[in-house]
Amino acid sequence: MRENRAQVHSLEKGSRGSRCEFSHMFGGVPCVEAARESVDGLALCGRHALEAKLEGQIKCWGGILFHIDLWSREASRRERPEVVRLLEHQRTQATAAIERAYEDLDLLRGRARHSWEA
């Protein structure tokens, strides 16, 4: 299975003067932070690069859950309870990973809101 994740690279020294391009993604208010990483062709500050990474992880885990559900239904149909149990364990792990990524994302966005309000 091909992994769908953001490509993250550190920017070279010559690019240090550039600003985070996060607003280009949604047409919102520009970020005033300096760009430090390149994510899928956009120059982003560290916080926005982490946000893009977490969102990518959530989408990836969602795709994995989709396939676990498909395989679990097929294993049930074929009366393979040992496979169903294994897939249920995998489902629990994937669900926990999604929850952790959402918690990290909420914490990241919460910290950002509080720093803007100060």
C-alpha atoms as a PDB file:
ATOM      1  CA  MET A   1       0.000   0.000   0.000  1.00  0.00           C
ATOM      2  CA  ARG A   2       1.368   3.406  -0.924  1.00  0.00           C
ATOM      3  CA  GLU A   3       1.745   5.803   1.991  1.00  0.00           C
ATOM      4  CA  ASN A   4       0.101   9.198   1.568  1.00  0.00           C
ATOM      5  CA  ARG A   5       2.078  11.680   3.612  1.00  0.00           C
ATOM      6  CA  ALA A   6       3.344  15.205   3.305  1.00  0.00           C
ATOM      7  CA  GLN A   7       6.831  15.587   1.900  1.00  0.00           C
ATOM      8  CA  VAL A   8       8.742  17.713   4.428  1.00  0.00           C
ATOM      9  CA  HIS A   9      12.172  19.187   3.707  1.00  0.00           C
ATOM     10  CA  SER A  10      14.221  21.844   5.489  1.00  0.00           C
ATOM     11  CA  LEU A  11      14.651  25.005   3.479  1.00  0.00           C
ATOM     12  CA  GLU A  12      18.109  26.022   2.348  1.00  0.00           C
ATOM     13  CA  LYS A  13      19.910  28.982   3.902  1.00  0.00           C
ATOM     14  CA  GLY A  14      19.127  31.190   0.921  1.00  0.00           C
ATOM     15  CA  SER A  15      15.380  30.932   1.627  1.00  0.00           C
ATOM     16  CA  ARG A  16      15.454  32.122   5.236  1.00  0.00           C
ATOM     17  CA  GLY A  17      13.878  35.489   4.415  1.00  0.00           C
ATOM     18  CA  SER A  18      10.703  33.960   3.048  1.00  0.00           C
ATOM     19  CA  ARG A  19       7.480  33.928   5.042  1.00  0.00           C
ATOM     20  CA  CYS A  20       5.227  31.006   5.800  1.00  0.00           C
ATOM     21  CA  GLU A  21       2.881  30.358   2.870  1.00  0.00           C
ATOM     22  CA  PHE A  22       0.139  28.789   4.997  1.00  0.00           C
ATOM     23  CA  SER A  23      -2.428  31.420   3.980  1.00  0.00           C
ATOM     24  CA  HIS A  24      -1.969  30.393   0.345  1.00  0.00           C
ATOM     25  CA  MET A  25      -3.552  27.046   1.187  1.00  0.00           C
ATOM     26  CA  PHE A  26      -6.838  28.527   2.391  1.00  0.00           C
ATOM     27  CA  GLY A  27      -6.768  32.155   1.266  1.00  0.00           C
ATOM     28  CA  GLY A  28      -6.721  33.270   4.899  1.00  0.00           C
ATOM     29  CA  VAL A  29      -4.736  35.701   6.994  1.00  0.00           C
ATOM     30  CA  PRO A  30      -1.021  35.430   6.252  1.00  0.00           C
ATOM     31  CA  CYS A  31       1.271  33.834   8.827  1.00  0.00           C
ATOM     32  CA  VAL A  32       4.012  36.219   9.942  1.00  0.00           C
ATOM     33  CA  GLU A  33       6.479  33.478  10.888  1.00  0.00           C
ATOM     34  CA  ALA A  34       9.558  32.750   8.802  1.00  0.00           C
ATOM     35  CA  ALA A  35       9.348  29.663   6.604  1.00  0.00           C
ATOM     36  CA  ARG A  36      11.591  26.887   7.875  1.00  0.00           C
ATOM     37  CA  GLU A  37      10.352  23.801   6.010  1.00  0.00           C
ATOM     38  CA  SER A  38       9.026  22.942   2.593  1.00  0.00           C
ATOM     39  CA  VAL A  39       5.887  20.792   2.688  1.00  0.00           C
ATOM     40  CA  ASP A  40       4.483  19.630  -0.636  1.00  0.00           C
ATOM     41  CA  GLY A  41       6.047  22.618  -2.364  1.00  0.00           C
ATOM     42  CA  LEU A  42       4.932  25.246   0.175  1.00  0.00           C
ATOM     43  CA  ALA A  43       7.352  27.081   2.447  1.00  0.00           C
ATOM     44  CA  LEU A  44       5.891  26.752   5.958  1.00  0.00           C
ATOM     45  CA  CYS A  45       6.889  27.710   9.467  1.00  0.00           C
ATOM     46  CA  GLY A  46       7.506  24.863  11.900  1.00  0.00           C
ATOM     47  CA  ARG A  47       4.032  25.019  13.443  1.00  0.00           C
ATOM     48  CA  HIS A  48       2.187  24.936  10.132  1.00  0.00           C
ATOM     49  CA  ALA A  49       4.490  22.161   8.830  1.00  0.00           C
ATOM     50  CA  LEU A  50       3.599  20.083  11.907  1.00  0.00           C
ATOM     51  CA  GLU A  51      -0.089  20.851  11.389  1.00  0.00           C
ATOM     52  CA  ALA A  52       0.104  19.628   7.772  1.00  0.00           C
ATOM     53  CA  LYS A  53       1.935  16.492   8.916  1.00  0.00           C
ATOM     54  CA  LEU A  54      -0.688  15.694  11.565  1.00  0.00           C
ATOM     55  CA  GLU A  55      -3.549  16.223   9.111  1.00  0.00           C
ATOM     56  CA  GLY A  56      -1.792  13.902   6.657  1.00  0.00           C
ATOM     57  CA  GLN A  57      -1.405  11.250   9.354  1.00  0.00           C
ATOM     58  CA  ILE A  58      -5.099  11.473  10.198  1.00  0.00           C
ATOM     59  CA  LYS A  59      -6.063  10.960   6.544  1.00  0.00           C
ATOM     60  CA  CYS A  60      -3.669   8.030   6.235  1.00  0.00           C
ATOM     61  CA  TRP A  61      -5.029   6.311   9.341  1.00  0.00           C
ATOM     62  CA  GLY A  62      -8.562   6.918   8.054  1.00  0.00           C
ATOM     63  CA  GLY A  63      -7.685   5.055   4.861  1.00  0.00           C
ATOM     64  CA  ILE A  64      -6.215   2.213   6.886  1.00  0.00           C
ATOM     65  CA  LEU A  65      -9.392   1.996   8.967  1.00  0.00           C
ATOM     66  CA  PHE A  66     -11.469   1.856   5.791  1.00  0.00           C
ATOM     67  CA  HIS A  67      -9.480  -1.146   4.582  1.00  0.00           C
ATOM     68  CA  ILE A  68      -9.549  -2.846   7.974  1.00  0.00           C
ATOM     69  CA  ASP A  69     -13.346  -2.624   7.873  1.00  0.00           C
ATOM     70  CA  LEU A  70     -13.432  -4.096   4.359  1.00  0.00           C
ATOM     71  CA  TRP A  71     -11.158  -6.975   5.290  1.00  0.00           C
ATOM     72  CA  SER A  72     -13.038  -7.579   8.534  1.00  0.00           C
ATOM     73  CA  ARG A  73     -16.362  -7.916   6.702  1.00  0.00           C
ATOM     74  CA  GLU A  74     -14.769 -10.311   4.242  1.00  0.00           C
ATOM     75  CA  ALA A  75     -13.214 -12.367   7.061  1.00  0.00           C
ATOM     76  CA  SER A  76     -16.619 -12.528   8.767  1.00  0.00           C
ATOM     77  CA  ARG A  77     -18.259 -13.618   5.541  1.00  0.00           C
ATOM     78  CA  ARG A  78     -15.662 -16.385   5.165  1.00  0.00           C
ATOM     79  CA  GLU A  79     -16.151 -17.385   8.813  1.00  0.00           C
ATOM     80  CA  ARG A  80     -12.568 -16.593   9.837  1.00  0.00           C
ATOM     81  CA  PRO A  81     -12.964 -15.470  13.480  1.00  0.00           C
ATOM     82  CA  GLU A  82      -9.201 -15.456  14.153  1.00  0.00           C
ATOM     83  CA  VAL A  83      -8.703 -12.947  11.324  1.00  0.00           C
ATOM     84  CA  VAL A  84     -11.638 -10.850  12.566  1.00  0.00           C
ATOM     85  CA  ARG A  85     -10.015 -10.735  16.046  1.00  0.00           C
ATOM     86  CA  LEU A  86      -6.664  -9.717  14.576  1.00  0.00           C
ATOM     87  CA  LEU A  87      -8.281  -6.992  12.487  1.00  0.00           C
ATOM     88  CA  GLU A  88     -10.234  -5.739  15.512  1.00  0.00           C
ATOM     89  CA  HIS A  89      -6.920  -5.379  17.345  1.00  0.00           C
ATOM     90  CA  GLN A  90      -5.495  -3.472  14.374  1.00  0.00           C
ATOM     91  CA  ARG A  91      -8.628  -1.303  14.299  1.00  0.00           C
ATOM     92  CA  THR A  92      -8.139  -0.434  17.981  1.00  0.00           C
ATOM     93  CA  GLN A  93      -4.517   0.568  17.343  1.00  0.00           C
ATOM     94  CA  ALA A  94      -5.406   2.673  14.292  1.00  0.00           C
ATOM     95  CA  THR A  95      -8.253   4.390  16.138  1.00  0.00           C
ATOM     96  CA  ALA A  96      -5.904   5.224  19.027  1.00  0.00           C
ATOM     97  CA  ALA A  97      -3.370   6.659  16.570  1.00  0.00           C
ATOM     98  CA  ILE A  98      -6.044   8.885  15.033  1.00  0.00           C
ATOM     99  CA  GLU A  99      -7.130  10.074  18.470  1.00  0.00           C
ATOM    100  CA  ARG A 100      -3.517  10.912  19.406  1.00  0.00           C
ATOM    101  CA  ALA A 101      -3.026  12.844  16.165  1.00  0.00           C
ATOM    102  CA  TYR A 102      -6.270  14.795  16.764  1.00  0.00           C
ATOM    103  CA  GLU A 103      -5.184  15.549  20.342  1.00  0.00           C
ATOM    104  CA  ASP A 104      -1.802  16.794  19.089  1.00  0.00           C
ATOM    105  CA  LEU A 105      -3.517  18.876  16.421  1.00  0.00           C
ATOM    106  CA  ASP A 106      -5.965  20.363  18.938  1.00  0.00           C
ATOM    107  CA  LEU A 107      -3.096  21.141  21.306  1.00  0.00           C
ATOM    108  CA  LEU A 108      -1.098  22.749  18.498  1.00  0.00           C
ATOM    109  CA  ARG A 109      -4.053  24.843  17.353  1.00  0.00           C
ATOM    110  CA  GLY A 110      -5.034  25.694  20.937  1.00  0.00           C
ATOM    111  CA  ARG A 111      -1.557  26.946  21.713  1.00  0.00           C
ATOM    112  CA  ALA A 112      -1.613  29.005  18.550  1.00  0.00           C
ATOM    113  CA  ARG A 113      -4.944  30.591  19.489  1.00  0.00           C
ATOM    114  CA  HIS A 114      -3.724  31.457  22.958  1.00  0.00           C
ATOM    115  CA  SER A 115      -0.508  33.000  21.659  1.00  0.00           C
ATOM    116  CA  TRP A 116      -2.514  35.164  19.233  1.00  0.00           C
ATOM    117  CA  GLU A 117      -4.883  36.292  21.985  1.00  0.00           C
ATOM    118  CA  ALA A 118      -2.050  37.351  24.317  1.00  0.00           C
END
